[in-house]
C-alpha cells in the first residue's frame, strides 16, 4: 500500500518539541509510544503539513494546490525508493487521516 501524507498518527507517537518551521509545514520531534517499559524510546522527526496554510498559499488556484500535494507525495515515494542509503533520511511512515 502506498503512503499518504500530512497527519502524524497520535495513537503511536507523542509530539515533543518543534525542530523547525517553514512556509506551510512544521517539523517536530516525536517519540514512539508502544514498546513497553523496557523498550528504548525512539525519536523521529515528523513533518506536519498544514493543508490550510498550503491552501492559503495557493489561493483560488486549486490546480496549484493539487500540484503541491502531488509534489509532497512524490517526495515521499522517492525517499522510500532510496531507503537504506546512508545519506538519505529514512521514512518510517506517511499517511493521511
Protein backbone atom coordinates (compact mmCIF):
# COMPACT_ATOMS: atom_id res chain seq x y z
CA UNK A 1 0.00 0.00 0.00
CA UNK A 2 1.34 3.43 -0.93
CA UNK A 3 1.76 6.03 1.79
CA UNK A 4 -0.44 9.06 2.17
CA UNK A 5 0.68 12.27 3.82
CA UNK A 6 0.25 15.03 6.33
CA UNK A 7 -1.06 13.82 9.70
CA UNK A 8 1.04 12.15 12.41
CA UNK A 9 -0.51 9.05 14.00
CA UNK A 10 -1.02 10.10 17.63
CA UNK A 11 -2.01 6.54 18.58
CA UNK A 12 1.64 5.52 18.12
CA UNK A 13 3.59 8.75 18.56
CA UNK A 14 3.65 11.66 21.00
CA UNK A 15 4.70 15.11 19.81
CA UNK A 16 7.70 16.65 21.56
CA UNK A 17 9.49 19.90 20.67
CA UNK A 18 9.39 21.88 17.43
CA UNK A 19 12.58 21.30 15.42
CA UNK A 20 11.93 23.66 12.52
CA UNK A 21 9.27 25.55 10.61
CA UNK A 22 8.68 26.63 7.03
CA UNK A 23 6.04 28.23 4.85
CA UNK A 24 3.39 25.52 5.23
CA UNK A 25 4.96 22.78 7.33
CA UNK A 26 6.49 22.29 10.75
CA UNK A 27 8.92 19.57 11.80
CA UNK A 28 8.54 18.15 15.30
CA UNK A 29 10.38 15.53 17.28
CA UNK A 30 8.00 12.67 18.06
CA UNK A 31 8.52 9.78 20.47
CA UNK A 32 7.13 6.29 19.75
CA UNK A 33 4.59 5.28 22.42
CA UNK A 34 4.40 1.50 22.04
CA UNK A 35 7.02 -0.96 23.20
CA UNK A 36 6.59 -1.23 26.96
CA UNK A 37 8.80 -0.04 29.79
CA UNK A 38 11.90 -1.94 28.67
CA UNK A 39 11.78 -0.65 25.09
CA UNK A 40 14.15 2.10 24.01
CA UNK A 41 12.27 5.37 23.47
CA UNK A 42 12.78 6.01 19.78
CA UNK A 43 12.58 9.55 18.41
CA UNK A 44 11.56 10.59 14.91
CA UNK A 45 11.36 13.85 13.03
CA UNK A 46 7.81 14.28 11.71
CA UNK A 47 6.91 16.80 9.02
CA UNK A 48 3.39 18.11 9.58
CA UNK A 49 1.96 19.82 6.53
CA UNK A 50 -0.74 22.37 7.32
CA UNK A 51 -3.21 22.00 4.45
CA UNK A 52 -4.93 25.28 5.40
CA UNK A 53 -1.64 27.20 5.11
CA UNK A 54 -0.81 25.40 1.89
CA UNK A 55 -4.28 26.16 0.53
CA UNK A 56 -3.95 29.84 1.50
CA UNK A 57 -0.57 29.96 -0.23
CA UNK A 58 -2.15 28.60 -3.42
CA UNK A 59 -5.16 30.91 -3.18
CA UNK A 60 -8.05 30.19 -5.52
CA UNK A 61 -5.79 28.16 -7.80
CA UNK A 62 -6.90 24.62 -6.94
CA UNK A 63 -4.63 23.21 -9.65
CA UNK A 64 -1.67 24.67 -7.79
CA UNK A 65 -2.83 23.03 -4.54
CA UNK A 66 -3.19 19.67 -6.28
CA UNK A 67 0.33 20.05 -7.74
CA UNK A 68 1.80 20.82 -4.27
CA UNK A 69 0.13 17.77 -2.76
CA UNK A 70 1.35 15.62 -5.66
CA UNK A 71 4.85 17.04 -5.15
CA UNK A 72 4.81 16.04 -1.47
CA UNK A 73 3.61 12.53 -2.33
CA UNK A 74 6.35 12.30 -4.98
CA UNK A 75 8.94 13.34 -2.38
CA UNK A 76 7.81 10.55 -0.04
CA UNK A 77 7.81 7.90 -2.79
CA UNK A 78 11.30 8.88 -3.94
CA UNK A 79 12.69 8.84 -0.42
CA UNK A 80 11.17 5.39 0.10
CA UNK A 81 12.95 4.17 -3.04
CA UNK A 82 16.25 5.33 -1.54
CA UNK A 83 15.67 3.85 1.92
CA UNK A 84 18.78 2.35 3.41
CA UNK A 85 21.15 4.83 1.77
CA UNK A 86 23.33 6.44 4.47
CA UNK A 87 22.89 9.95 3.02
CA UNK A 88 19.07 9.89 2.87
CA UNK A 89 16.64 10.50 5.72
CA UNK A 90 14.68 7.31 6.39
CA UNK A 91 10.90 7.41 6.09
CA UNK A 92 9.18 5.09 8.53
CA UNK A 93 5.58 6.04 7.81
CA UNK A 94 3.45 8.52 5.87
CA UNK A 95 -0.32 8.78 5.97
CA UNK A 96 -3.48 10.83 5.66
CA UNK A 97 -6.06 10.95 8.40
